[in-house]
Amino acid sequence: MASMCRNITELRGLEPAATRDEIEAAAGQYVRKVTGIAKPNAALVDVMQAAALEVADITEALLAQLPARRQPPMTVPPLRRPEVRQRLGLSPM
Protein backbone atom coordinates (compact mmCIF):
# COMPACT_ATOMS: atom_id res chain seq x y z
CA MET A 1 0.00 0.00 0.00
CA ALA A 2 1.16 3.52 -0.78
CA SER A 3 1.42 6.37 1.71
CA MET A 4 -1.73 7.94 3.14
CA CYS A 5 -3.33 10.67 1.07
CA ARG A 6 -5.57 13.50 2.16
CA ASN A 7 -8.17 13.24 -0.59
CA ILE A 8 -9.83 10.19 -2.00
CA THR A 9 -9.85 10.23 -5.79
CA GLU A 10 -13.17 11.14 -7.43
CA LEU A 11 -14.05 8.40 -9.91
CA ARG A 12 -17.51 9.25 -11.24
CA GLY A 13 -17.52 10.86 -14.65
CA LEU A 14 -14.04 9.92 -15.80
CA GLU A 15 -13.51 9.44 -19.53
CA PRO A 16 -12.76 6.66 -20.10
CA ALA A 17 -14.60 5.24 -17.09
CA ALA A 18 -12.67 4.36 -13.94
CA THR A 19 -10.80 1.07 -14.18
CA ARG A 20 -10.94 -1.64 -11.54
CA ASP A 21 -7.35 -0.75 -10.57
CA GLU A 22 -8.37 2.89 -9.99
CA ILE A 23 -11.39 1.80 -7.95
CA GLU A 24 -9.18 -0.49 -5.83
CA ALA A 25 -6.63 2.31 -5.35
CA ALA A 26 -9.37 4.67 -4.13
CA ALA A 27 -10.71 1.95 -1.83
CA GLY A 28 -7.21 1.49 -0.41
CA GLN A 29 -7.00 5.25 0.16
CA TYR A 30 -10.31 5.12 2.01
CA VAL A 31 -9.26 2.21 4.24
CA ARG A 32 -5.95 3.87 5.10
CA LYS A 33 -7.71 7.16 5.83
CA VAL A 34 -10.43 5.76 8.12
CA THR A 35 -8.01 3.53 10.01
CA GLY A 36 -5.28 6.13 10.28
CA ILE A 37 -2.78 3.43 9.34
CA ALA A 38 -0.64 4.35 6.35
CA LYS A 39 1.85 1.50 6.74
CA PRO A 40 0.12 -1.54 8.30
CA ASN A 41 2.22 -4.13 10.08
CA ALA A 42 2.25 -7.70 8.79
CA ALA A 43 -0.71 -8.68 10.98
CA LEU A 44 -2.92 -5.96 9.48
CA VAL A 45 -1.99 -6.09 5.80
CA ASP A 46 -4.41 -8.92 4.93
CA VAL A 47 -7.25 -7.43 7.00
CA MET A 48 -6.87 -4.02 5.39
CA GLN A 49 -6.52 -5.51 1.90
CA ALA A 50 -9.70 -7.56 2.37
CA ALA A 51 -11.56 -4.47 3.57
CA ALA A 52 -10.30 -2.45 0.59
CA LEU A 53 -11.49 -5.14 -1.84
CA GLU A 54 -14.94 -5.12 -0.21
CA VAL A 55 -15.08 -1.34 -0.50
CA ALA A 56 -13.97 -1.63 -4.14
CA ASP A 57 -16.77 -4.10 -4.92
CA ILE A 58 -19.35 -1.79 -3.36
CA THR A 59 -17.88 1.25 -5.13
CA GLU A 60 -17.90 -0.50 -8.50
CA ALA A 61 -21.57 -1.46 -8.05
CA LEU A 62 -22.44 2.08 -6.94
CA LEU A 63 -20.70 3.73 -9.91
CA ALA A 64 -22.53 1.38 -12.30
CA GLN A 65 -25.90 2.53 -10.91
CA LEU A 66 -25.29 6.29 -10.94
CA PRO A 67 -26.53 8.51 -13.78
CA ALA A 68 -24.05 10.07 -16.17
CA ARG A 69 -22.32 13.13 -14.84
CA ARG A 70 -23.09 16.51 -16.44
CA GLN A 71 -19.56 17.80 -15.89
CA PRO A 72 -16.30 15.92 -15.43
CA PRO A 73 -14.60 15.92 -12.01
CA MET A 74 -12.92 19.21 -11.04
CA THR A 75 -9.51 17.53 -11.12
CA VAL A 76 -7.95 14.96 -13.43
CA PRO A 77 -7.19 12.22 -10.90
CA PRO A 78 -6.01 9.37 -13.12
CA LEU A 79 -2.74 11.01 -14.12
CA ARG A 80 -1.19 7.55 -14.23
CA ARG A 81 -3.22 6.83 -17.39
CA PRO A 82 -0.90 7.08 -20.42
CA GLU A 83 -3.55 8.73 -22.63
CA VAL A 84 -4.22 11.43 -20.01
CA ARG A 85 -0.51 12.07 -19.47
CA GLN A 86 0.02 12.33 -23.23
CA ARG A 87 -2.91 14.75 -23.64
CA LEU A 88 -1.49 16.94 -20.87
CA GLY A 89 2.03 16.82 -22.33
CA LEU A 90 3.47 14.95 -19.31
CA SER A 91 6.19 12.33 -19.52
CA PRO A 92 5.19 8.65 -19.32
CA MET A 93 5.42 6.97 -15.94
PDB file of N, CA and C in Angstrom:
ATOM      1  N   MET A   1       0.839  -1.188   0.000  1.00  0.00           N
ATOM      2  CA  MET A   1       0.000   0.000   0.000  1.00  0.00           C
ATOM      3  C   MET A   1       0.883   1.251   0.000  1.00  0.00           C
ATOM      4  N   ALA A   2       0.413   2.261  -0.692  1.00  0.00           N
ATOM      5  CA  ALA A   2       1.163   3.521  -0.782  1.00  0.00           C
ATOM      6  C   ALA A   2       0.923   4.361   0.470  1.00  0.00           C
ATOM      7  N   SER A   3       1.586   5.512   0.541  1.00  0.00           N
ATOM      8  CA  SER A   3       1.419   6.370   1.708  1.00  0.00           C
ATOM      9  C   SER A   3       0.015   6.966   1.746  1.00  0.00           C
ATOM     10  N   MET A   4      -0.393   7.411   2.945  1.00  0.00           N
ATOM     11  CA  MET A   4      -1.732   7.942   3.136  1.00  0.00           C
ATOM     12  C   MET A   4      -1.903   9.250   2.382  1.00  0.00           C
ATOM     13  N   CYS A   5      -3.063   9.422   1.777  1.00  0.00           N
ATOM     14  CA  CYS A   5      -3.331  10.665   1.075  1.00  0.00           C
ATOM     15  C   CYS A   5      -4.470  11.403   1.752  1.00  0.00           C
ATOM     16  N   ARG A   6      -4.554  12.684   1.525  1.00  0.00           N
ATOM     17  CA  ARG A   6      -5.575  13.504   2.162  1.00  0.00           C
ATOM     18  C   ARG A   6      -6.921  13.392   1.474  1.00  0.00           C
ATOM     19  N   ASN A   7      -6.932  13.264   0.169  1.00  0.00           N
ATOM     20  CA  ASN A   7      -8.173  13.239  -0.587  1.00  0.00           C
ATOM     21  C   ASN A   7      -8.330  11.930  -1.327  1.00  0.00           C
ATOM     22  N   ILE A   8      -9.528  11.398  -1.268  1.00  0.00           N
ATOM     23  CA  ILE A   8      -9.825  10.188  -2.003  1.00  0.00           C
ATOM     24  C   ILE A   8     -10.190  10.606  -3.430  1.00  0.00           C
ATOM     25  N   THR A   9      -9.648   9.913  -4.393  1.00  0.00           N
ATOM     26  CA  THR A   9      -9.854  10.234  -5.794  1.00  0.00           C
ATOM     27  C   THR A   9     -11.322  10.131  -6.187  1.00  0.00           C
ATOM     28  N   GLU A  10     -11.805  11.141  -6.909  1.00  0.00           N
ATOM     29  CA  GLU A  10     -13.167  11.143  -7.429  1.00  0.00           C
ATOM     30  C   GLU A  10     -13.180  10.309  -8.708  1.00  0.00           C
ATOM     31  N   LEU A  11     -14.066   9.328  -8.788  1.00  0.00           N
ATOM     32  CA  LEU A  11     -14.051   8.404  -9.909  1.00  0.00           C
ATOM     33  C   LEU A  11     -15.246   8.544 -10.853  1.00  0.00           C
ATOM     34  N   ARG A  12     -16.310   9.128 -10.396  1.00  0.00           N
ATOM     35  CA  ARG A  12     -17.510   9.254 -11.235  1.00  0.00           C
ATOM     36  C   ARG A  12     -17.283  10.293 -12.328  1.00  0.00           C
ATOM     37  N   GLY A  13     -17.604   9.931 -13.546  1.00  0.00           N
ATOM     38  CA  GLY A  13     -17.525  10.863 -14.650  1.00  0.00           C
ATOM     39  C   GLY A  13     -16.215  10.883 -15.388  1.00  0.00           C
ATOM     40  N   LEU A  14     -15.318   9.967 -15.073  1.00  0.00           N
ATOM     41  CA  LEU A  14     -14.045   9.924 -15.798  1.00  0.00           C
ATOM     42  C   LEU A  14     -14.268   9.406 -17.215  1.00  0.00           C
ATOM     43  N   GLU A  15     -13.492   9.919 -18.146  1.00  0.00           N
ATOM     44  CA  GLU A  15     -13.511   9.442 -19.532  1.00  0.00           C
ATOM     45  C   GLU A  15     -12.098   9.041 -19.912  1.00  0.00           C
ATOM     46  N   PRO A  16     -11.847   7.781 -20.212  1.00  0.00           N
ATOM     47  CA  PRO A  16     -12.765   6.658 -20.096  1.00  0.00           C
ATOM     48  C   PRO A  16     -13.105   6.379 -18.636  1.00  0.00           C
ATOM     49  N   ALA A  17     -14.117   5.546 -18.440  1.00  0.00           N
ATOM     50  CA  ALA A  17     -14.602   5.241 -17.085  1.00  0.00           C
ATOM     51  C   ALA A  17     -13.482   4.691 -16.204  1.00  0.00           C
ATOM     52  N   ALA A  18     -13.663   4.855 -14.905  1.00  0.00           N
ATOM     53  CA  ALA A  18     -12.674   4.358 -13.938  1.00  0.00           C
ATOM     54  C   ALA A  18     -12.431   2.870 -14.136  1.00  0.00           C
ATOM     55  N   THR A  19     -11.170   2.487 -14.054  1.00  0.00           N
ATOM     56  CA  THR A  19     -10.796   1.074 -14.176  1.00  0.00           C
ATOM     57  C   THR A  19     -10.908   0.403 -12.804  1.00  0.00           C
ATOM     58  N   ARG A  20     -10.904  -0.905 -12.805  1.00  0.00           N
ATOM     59  CA  ARG A  20     -10.938  -1.640 -11.540  1.00  0.00           C
ATOM     60  C   ARG A  20      -9.714  -1.286 -10.694  1.00  0.00           C
ATOM     61  N   ASP A  21      -8.556  -1.127 -11.316  1.00  0.00           N
ATOM     62  CA  ASP A  21      -7.352  -0.746 -10.569  1.00  0.00           C
ATOM     63  C   ASP A  21      -7.532   0.609  -9.890  1.00  0.00           C
ATOM     64  N   GLU A  22      -8.132   1.566 -10.580  1.00  0.00           N
ATOM     65  CA  GLU A  22      -8.366   2.890  -9.993  1.00  0.00           C
ATOM     66  C   GLU A  22      -9.372   2.816  -8.854  1.00  0.00           C
ATOM     67  N   ILE A  23     -10.393   1.979  -9.013  1.00  0.00           N
ATOM     68  CA  ILE A  23     -11.388   1.798  -7.951  1.00  0.00           C
ATOM     69  C   ILE A  23     -10.725   1.162  -6.730  1.00  0.00           C
ATOM     70  N   GLU A  24      -9.882   0.154  -6.949  1.00  0.00           N
ATOM     71  CA  GLU A  24      -9.183  -0.487  -5.826  1.00  0.00           C
ATOM     72  C   GLU A  24      -8.211   0.480  -5.155  1.00  0.00           C
ATOM     73  N   ALA A  25      -7.548   1.327  -5.933  1.00  0.00           N
ATOM     74  CA  ALA A  25      -6.629   2.312  -5.353  1.00  0.00           C
ATOM     75  C   ALA A  25      -7.398   3.299  -4.470  1.00  0.00           C
ATOM     76  N   ALA A  26      -8.554   3.751  -4.928  1.00  0.00           N
ATOM     77  CA  ALA A  26      -9.375   4.670  -4.132  1.00  0.00           C
ATOM     78  C   ALA A  26      -9.880   3.977  -2.868  1.00  0.00           C
ATOM     79  N   ALA A  27     -10.253   2.710  -2.993  1.00  0.00           N
ATOM     80  CA  ALA A  27     -10.710   1.949  -1.828  1.00  0.00           C
ATOM     81  C   ALA A  27      -9.574   1.803  -0.814  1.00  0.00           C
ATOM     82  N   GLY A  28      -8.373   1.572  -1.303  1.00  0.00           N
ATOM     83  CA  GLY A  28      -7.211   1.494  -0.411  1.00  0.00           C
ATOM     84  C   GLY A  28      -6.970   2.814   0.291  1.00  0.00           C
ATOM     85  N   GLN A  29      -7.134   3.923  -0.441  1.00  0.00           N
ATOM     86  CA  GLN A  29      -6.999   5.254   0.162  1.00  0.00           C
ATOM     87  C   GLN A  29      -8.015   5.413   1.289  1.00  0.00           C
ATOM     88  N   TYR A  30      -9.249   5.000   1.018  1.00  0.00           N
ATOM     89  CA  TYR A  30     -10.314   5.117   2.010  1.00  0.00           C
ATOM     90  C   TYR A  30      -9.980   4.309   3.270  1.00  0.00           C
ATOM     91  N   VAL A  31      -9.573   3.073   3.087  1.00  0.00           N
ATOM     92  CA  VAL A  31      -9.264   2.212   4.242  1.00  0.00           C
ATOM     93  C   VAL A  31      -8.107   2.790   5.051  1.00  0.00           C
ATOM     94  N   ARG A  32      -7.062   3.264   4.369  1.00  0.00           N
ATOM     95  CA  ARG A  32      -5.945   3.870   5.098  1.00  0.00           C
ATOM     96  C   ARG A  32      -6.390   5.128   5.837  1.00  0.00           C
ATOM     97  N   LYS A  33      -7.255   5.915   5.217  1.00  0.00           N
ATOM     98  CA  LYS A  33      -7.714   7.163   5.834  1.00  0.00           C
ATOM     99  C   LYS A  33      -8.553   6.883   7.078  1.00  0.00           C
ATOM    100  N   VAL A  34      -9.548   5.991   6.971  1.00  0.00           N
ATOM    101  CA  VAL A  34     -10.430   5.764   8.118  1.00  0.00           C
ATOM    102  C   VAL A  34      -9.738   5.029   9.257  1.00  0.00           C
ATOM    103  N   THR A  35      -8.718   4.224   8.943  1.00  0.00           N
ATOM    104  CA  THR A  35      -8.010   3.526  10.014  1.00  0.00           C
ATOM    105  C   THR A  35      -6.901   4.384  10.608  1.00  0.00           C
ATOM    106  N   GLY A  36      -6.410   5.336   9.816  1.00  0.00           N
ATOM    107  CA  GLY A  36      -5.284   6.134  10.281  1.00  0.00           C
ATOM    108  C   GLY A  36      -3.971   5.371  10.209  1.00  0.00           C
ATOM    109  N   ILE A  37      -3.975   4.268   9.459  1.00  0.00           N
ATOM    110  CA  ILE A  37      -2.777   3.431   9.344  1.00  0.00           C
ATOM    111  C   ILE A  37      -2.286   3.497   7.902  1.00  0.00           C
ATOM    112  N   ALA A  38      -1.200   4.214   7.698  1.00  0.00           N
ATOM    113  CA  ALA A  38      -0.644   4.352   6.355  1.00  0.00           C
ATOM    114  C   ALA A  38       0.238   3.159   5.985  1.00  0.00           C
ATOM    115  N   LYS A  39       0.937   2.625   6.974  1.00  0.00           N
ATOM    116  CA  LYS A  39       1.845   1.498   6.739  1.00  0.00           C
ATOM    117  C   LYS A  39       1.502   0.391   7.736  1.00  0.00           C
ATOM    118  N   PRO A  40       0.545  -0.487   7.365  1.00  0.00           N
ATOM    119  CA  PRO A  40       0.124  -1.537   8.298  1.00  0.00           C
ATOM    120  C   PRO A  40       1.239  -2.548   8.551  1.00  0.00           C
ATOM    121  N   ASN A  41       1.253  -3.078   9.775  1.00  0.00           N
ATOM    122  CA  ASN A  41       2.216  -4.135  10.079  1.00  0.00           C
ATOM    123  C   ASN A  41       1.737  -5.432   9.433  1.00  0.00           C
ATOM    124  N   ALA A  42       2.549  -6.445   9.471  1.00  0.00           N
ATOM    125  CA  ALA A  42       2.249  -7.705   8.792  1.00  0.00           C
ATOM    126  C   ALA A  42       0.911  -8.300   9.224  1.00  0.00           C
ATOM    127  N   ALA A  43       0.540  -8.126  10.477  1.00  0.00           N
ATOM    128  CA  ALA A  43      -0.710  -8.684  10.983  1.00  0.00           C
ATOM    129  C   ALA A  43      -1.933  -7.978  10.400  1.00  0.00           C
ATOM    130  N   LEU A  44      -1.779  -6.734   9.971  1.00  0.00           N
ATOM    131  CA  LEU A  44      -2.920  -5.958   9.483  1.00  0.00           C
ATOM    132  C   LEU A  44      -3.030  -5.882   7.965  1.00  0.00           C
ATOM    133  N   VAL A  45      -1.984  -6.229   7.258  1.00  0.00           N
ATOM    134  CA  VAL A  45      -1.991  -6.093   5.796  1.00  0.00           C
ATOM    135  C   VAL A  45      -3.162  -6.842   5.174  1.00  0.00           C
ATOM    136  N   ASP A  46      -3.338  -8.109   5.527  1.00  0.00           N
ATOM    137  CA  ASP A  46      -4.406  -8.918   4.931  1.00  0.00           C
ATOM    138  C   ASP A  46      -5.792  -8.388   5.297  1.00  0.00           C
ATOM    139  N   VAL A  47      -5.962  -7.964   6.547  1.00  0.00           N
ATOM    140  CA  VAL A  47      -7.252  -7.431   6.998  1.00  0.00           C
ATOM    141  C   VAL A  47      -7.602  -6.160   6.232  1.00  0.00           C
ATOM    142  N   MET A  48      -6.623  -5.279   6.096  1.00  0.00           N
ATOM    143  CA  MET A  48      -6.871  -4.022   5.391  1.00  0.00           C
ATOM    144  C   MET A  48      -7.077  -4.256   3.902  1.00  0.00           C
ATOM    145  N   GLN A  49      -6.347  -5.188   3.322  1.00  0.00           N
ATOM    146  CA  GLN A  49      -6.520  -5.507   1.901  1.00  0.00           C
ATOM    147  C   GLN A  49      -7.911  -6.086   1.653  1.00  0.00           C
ATOM    148  N   ALA A  50      -8.364  -6.975   2.519  1.00  0.00           N
ATOM    149  CA  ALA A  50      -9.701  -7.564   2.370  1.00  0.00           C
ATOM    150  C   ALA A  50     -10.774  -6.480   2.475  1.00  0.00           C
ATOM    151  N   ALA A  51     -10.600  -5.564   3.419  1.00  0.00           N
ATOM    152  CA  ALA A  51     -11.557  -4.465   3.572  1.00  0.00           C
ATOM    153  C   ALA A  51     -11.564  -3.581   2.329  1.00  0.00           C
ATOM    154  N   ALA A  52     -10.386  -3.291   1.787  1.00  0.00           N
ATOM    155  CA  ALA A  52     -10.298  -2.454   0.592  1.00  0.00           C
ATOM    156  C   ALA A  52     -10.974  -3.124  -0.602  1.00  0.00           C
ATOM    157  N   LEU A  53     -10.838  -4.434  -0.737  1.00  0.00           N
ATOM    158  CA  LEU A  53     -11.491  -5.142  -1.837  1.00  0.00           C
ATOM    159  C   LEU A  53     -13.005  -5.129  -1.688  1.00  0.00           C
ATOM    160  N   GLU A  54     -13.495  -5.233  -0.452  1.00  0.00           N
ATOM    161  CA  GLU A  54     -14.944  -5.124  -0.210  1.00  0.00           C
ATOM    162  C   GLU A  54     -15.450  -3.736  -0.581  1.00  0.00           C
ATOM    163  N   VAL A  55     -14.719  -2.714  -0.163  1.00  0.00           N
ATOM    164  CA  VAL A  55     -15.083  -1.336  -0.499  1.00  0.00           C
ATOM    165  C   VAL A  55     -15.051  -1.154  -2.018  1.00  0.00           C
ATOM    166  N   ALA A  56     -14.074  -1.735  -2.688  1.00  0.00           N
ATOM    167  CA  ALA A  56     -13.970  -1.628  -4.143  1.00  0.00           C
ATOM    168  C   ALA A  56     -15.173  -2.275  -4.827  1.00  0.00           C
ATOM    169  N   ASP A  57     -15.590  -3.432  -4.344  1.00  0.00           N
ATOM    170  CA  ASP A  57     -16.767  -4.103  -4.919  1.00  0.00           C
ATOM    171  C   ASP A  57     -18.008  -3.222  -4.790  1.00  0.00           C
ATOM    172  N   ILE A  58     -18.197  -2.657  -3.606  1.00  0.00           N
ATOM    173  CA  ILE A  58     -19.351  -1.790  -3.360  1.00  0.00           C
ATOM    174  C   ILE A  58     -19.263  -0.532  -4.221  1.00  0.00           C
ATOM    175  N   THR A  59     -18.076   0.042  -4.334  1.00  0.00           N
ATOM    176  CA  THR A  59     -17.879   1.250  -5.131  1.00  0.00           C
ATOM    177  C   THR A  59     -18.166   0.973  -6.602  1.00  0.00           C
ATOM    178  N   GLU A  60     -17.676  -0.151  -7.097  1.00  0.00           N
ATOM    179  CA  GLU A  60     -17.902  -0.500  -8.505  1.00  0.00           C
ATOM    180  C   GLU A  60     -19.399  -0.644  -8.786  1.00  0.00           C
ATOM    181  N   ALA A  61     -20.126  -1.299  -7.885  1.00  0.00           N
ATOM    182  CA  ALA A  61     -21.570  -1.459  -8.049  1.00  0.00           C
ATOM    183  C   ALA A  61     -22.275  -0.103  -7.989  1.00  0.00           C
ATOM    184  N   LEU A  62     -21.844   0.747  -7.072  1.00  0.00           N
ATOM    185  CA  LEU A  62     -22.442   2.076  -6.941  1.00  0.00           C
ATOM    186  C   LEU A  62     -22.229   2.896  -8.205  1.00  0.00           C
ATOM    187  N   LEU A  63     -20.993   2.951  -8.709  1.00  0.00           N
ATOM    188  CA  LEU A  63     -20.698   3.726  -9.911  1.00  0.00           C
ATOM    189  C   LEU A  63     -21.516   3.244 -11.108  1.00  0.00           C
ATOM    190  N   ALA A  64     -21.750   1.942 -11.193  1.00  0.00           N
ATOM    191  CA  ALA A  64     -22.532   1.381 -12.303  1.00  0.00           C
ATOM    192  C   ALA A  64     -23.994   1.816 -12.249  1.00  0.00           C
ATOM    193  N   GLN A  65     -24.498   2.166 -11.072  1.00  0.00           N
ATOM    194  CA  GLN A  65     -25.903   2.529 -10.910  1.00  0.00           C
ATOM    195  C   GLN A  65     -26.164   4.035 -10.974  1.00  0.00           C
ATOM    196  N   LEU A  66     -25.113   4.840 -10.941  1.00  0.00           N
ATOM    197  CA  LEU A  66     -25.290   6.293 -10.941  1.00  0.00           C
ATOM    198  C   LEU A  66     -25.543   6.819 -12.351  1.00  0.00           C
ATOM    199  N   PRO A  67     -26.319   7.907 -12.457  1.00  0.00           N
ATOM    200  CA  PRO A  67     -26.530   8.506 -13.777  1.00  0.00           C
ATOM    201  C   PRO A  67     -25.249   9.159 -14.274  1.00  0.00           C
ATOM    202  N   ALA A  68     -25.208   9.402 -15.578  1.00  0.00           N
ATOM    203  CA  ALA A  68     -24.050  10.070 -16.169  1.00  0.00           C
ATOM    204  C   ALA A  68     -23.866  11.429 -15.520  1.00  0.00           C
ATOM    205  N   ARG A  69     -22.654  11.850 -15.451  1.00  0.00           N
ATOM    206  CA  ARG A  69     -22.321  13.128 -14.837  1.00  0.00           C
ATOM    207  C   ARG A  69     -22.410  14.240 -15.880  1.00  0.00           C
ATOM    208  N   ARG A  70     -22.950  15.387 -15.503  1.00  0.00           N
ATOM    209  CA  ARG A  70     -23.088  16.508 -16.439  1.00  0.00           C
ATOM    210  C   ARG A  70     -21.756  17.174 -16.727  1.00  0.00           C
ATOM    211  N   GLN A  71     -20.888  17.213 -15.730  1.00  0.00           N
ATOM    212  CA  GLN A  71     -19.559  17.804 -15.886  1.00  0.00           C
ATOM    213  C   GLN A  71     -18.528  16.822 -15.355  1.00  0.00           C
ATOM    214  N   PRO A  72     -17.348  16.819 -15.940  1.00  0.00           N
ATOM    215  CA  PRO A  72     -16.298  15.918 -15.431  1.00  0.00           C
ATOM    216  C   PRO A  72     -15.849  16.372 -14.040  1.00  0.00           C
ATOM    217  N   PRO A  73     -15.132  15.516 -13.320  1.00  0.00           N
ATOM    218  CA  PRO A  73     -14.601  15.917 -12.009  1.00  0.00           C
ATOM    219  C   PRO A  73     -13.756  17.184 -12.130  1.00  0.00           C
ATOM    220  N   MET A  74     -13.669  17.948 -11.048  1.00  0.00           N
ATOM    221  CA  MET A  74     -12.923  19.205 -11.036  1.00  0.00           C
ATOM    222  C   MET A  74     -11.431  18.994 -11.280  1.00  0.00           C
ATOM    223  N   THR A  75     -10.917  17.830 -10.928  1.00  0.00           N
ATOM    224  CA  THR A  75      -9.507  17.531 -11.122  1.00  0.00           C
ATOM    225  C   THR A  75      -9.385  16.363 -12.091  1.00  0.00           C
ATOM    226  N   VAL A  76      -8.201  16.102 -12.543  1.00  0.00           N
ATOM    227  CA  VAL A  76      -7.950  14.963 -13.431  1.00  0.00           C
ATOM    228  C   VAL A  76      -7.179  13.930 -12.612  1.00  0.00           C
ATOM    229  N   PRO A  77      -7.885  13.125 -11.812  1.00  0.00           N
ATOM    230  CA  PRO A  77      -7.194  12.220 -10.896  1.00  0.00           C
ATOM    231  C   PRO A  77      -6.373  11.108 -11.524  1.00  0.00           C
ATOM    232  N   PRO A  78      -6.784  10.535 -12.656  1.00  0.00           N
ATOM    233  CA  PRO A  78      -6.014   9.372 -13.117  1.00  0.00           C
ATOM    234  C   PRO A  78      -4.788   9.754 -13.937  1.00  0.00           C
ATOM    235  N   LEU A  79      -3.920  10.569 -13.381  1.00  0.00           N
ATOM    236  CA  LEU A  79      -2.744  11.010 -14.122  1.00  0.00           C
ATOM    237  C   LEU A  79      -1.799   9.865 -14.463  1.00  0.00           C
ATOM    238  N   ARG A  80      -2.026   8.693 -13.885  1.00  0.00           N
ATOM    239  CA  ARG A  80      -1.193   7.553 -14.230  1.00  0.00           C
ATOM    240  C   ARG A  80      -1.627   6.933 -15.560  1.00  0.00           C
ATOM    241  N   ARG A  81      -2.770   7.356 -16.112  1.00  0.00           N
ATOM    242  CA  ARG A  81      -3.220   6.830 -17.393  1.00  0.00           C
ATOM    243  C   ARG A  81      -2.361   7.422 -18.511  1.00  0.00           C
ATOM    244  N   PRO A  82      -1.781   6.571 -19.353  1.00  0.00           N
ATOM    245  CA  PRO A  82      -0.901   7.085 -20.420  1.00  0.00           C
ATOM    246  C   PRO A  82      -1.596   8.082 -21.341  1.00  0.00           C
ATOM    247  N   GLU A  83      -2.866   7.826 -21.705  1.00  0.00           N
ATOM    248  CA  GLU A  83      -3.553   8.730 -22.630  1.00  0.00           C
ATOM    249  C   GLU A  83      -3.809  10.104 -22.009  1.00  0.00           C
ATOM    250  N   VAL A  84      -4.027  10.147 -20.692  1.00  0.00           N
ATOM    251  CA  VAL A  84      -4.221  11.429 -20.012  1.00  0.00           C
ATOM    252  C   VAL A  84      -2.893  12.164 -19.925  1.00  0.00           C
ATOM    253  N   ARG A  85      -1.834  11.452 -19.568  1.00  0.00           N
ATOM    254  CA  ARG A  85      -0.509  12.067 -19.474  1.00  0.00           C
ATOM    255  C   ARG A  85      -0.075  12.617 -20.827  1.00  0.00           C
ATOM    256  N   GLN A  86      -0.342  11.875 -21.897  1.00  0.00           N
ATOM    257  CA  GLN A  86       0.023  12.332 -23.234  1.00  0.00           C
ATOM    258  C   GLN A  86      -0.758  13.593 -23.605  1.00  0.00           C
ATOM    259  N   ARG A  87      -2.062  13.602 -23.330  1.00  0.00           N
ATOM    260  CA  ARG A  87      -2.910  14.750 -23.642  1.00  0.00           C
ATOM    261  C   ARG A  87      -2.444  15.999 -22.898  1.00  0.00           C
ATOM    262  N   LEU A  88      -1.949  15.822 -21.669  1.00  0.00           N
ATOM    263  CA  LEU A  88      -1.492  16.944 -20.865  1.00  0.00           C
ATOM    264  C   LEU A  88      -0.028  17.303 -21.129  1.00  0.00           C
ATOM    265  N   GLY A  89       0.637  16.547 -22.006  1.00  0.00           N
ATOM    266  CA  GLY A  89       2.028  16.821 -22.325  1.00  0.00           C
ATOM    267  C   GLY A  89       3.001  16.414 -21.232  1.00  0.00           C
ATOM    268  N   LEU A  90       2.617  15.436 -20.392  1.00  0.00           N
ATOM    269  CA  LEU A  90       3.470  14.954 -19.309  1.00  0.00           C
ATOM    270  C   LEU A  90       4.254  13.733 -19.783  1.00  0.00           C
ATOM    271  N   SER A  91       5.381  13.494 -19.154  1.00  0.00           N
ATOM    272  CA  SER A  91       6.190  12.329 -19.518  1.00  0.00           C
ATOM    273  C   SER A  91       5.505  11.044 -19.044  1.00  0.00           C
ATOM    274  N   PRO A  92       5.760   9.933 -19.744  1.00  0.00           N
ATOM    275  CA  PRO A  92       5.193   8.653 -19.317  1.00  0.00           C
ATOM    276  C   PRO A  92       5.736   8.246 -17.962  1.00  0.00           C
ATOM    277  N   MET A  93       4.992   7.428 -17.271  1.00  0.00           N
ATOM    278  CA  MET A  93       5.421   6.975 -15.943  1.00  0.00           C
ATOM    279  C   MET A  93       6.312   5.773 -16.053  1.00  0.00           C
TER     280      MET A  93
END
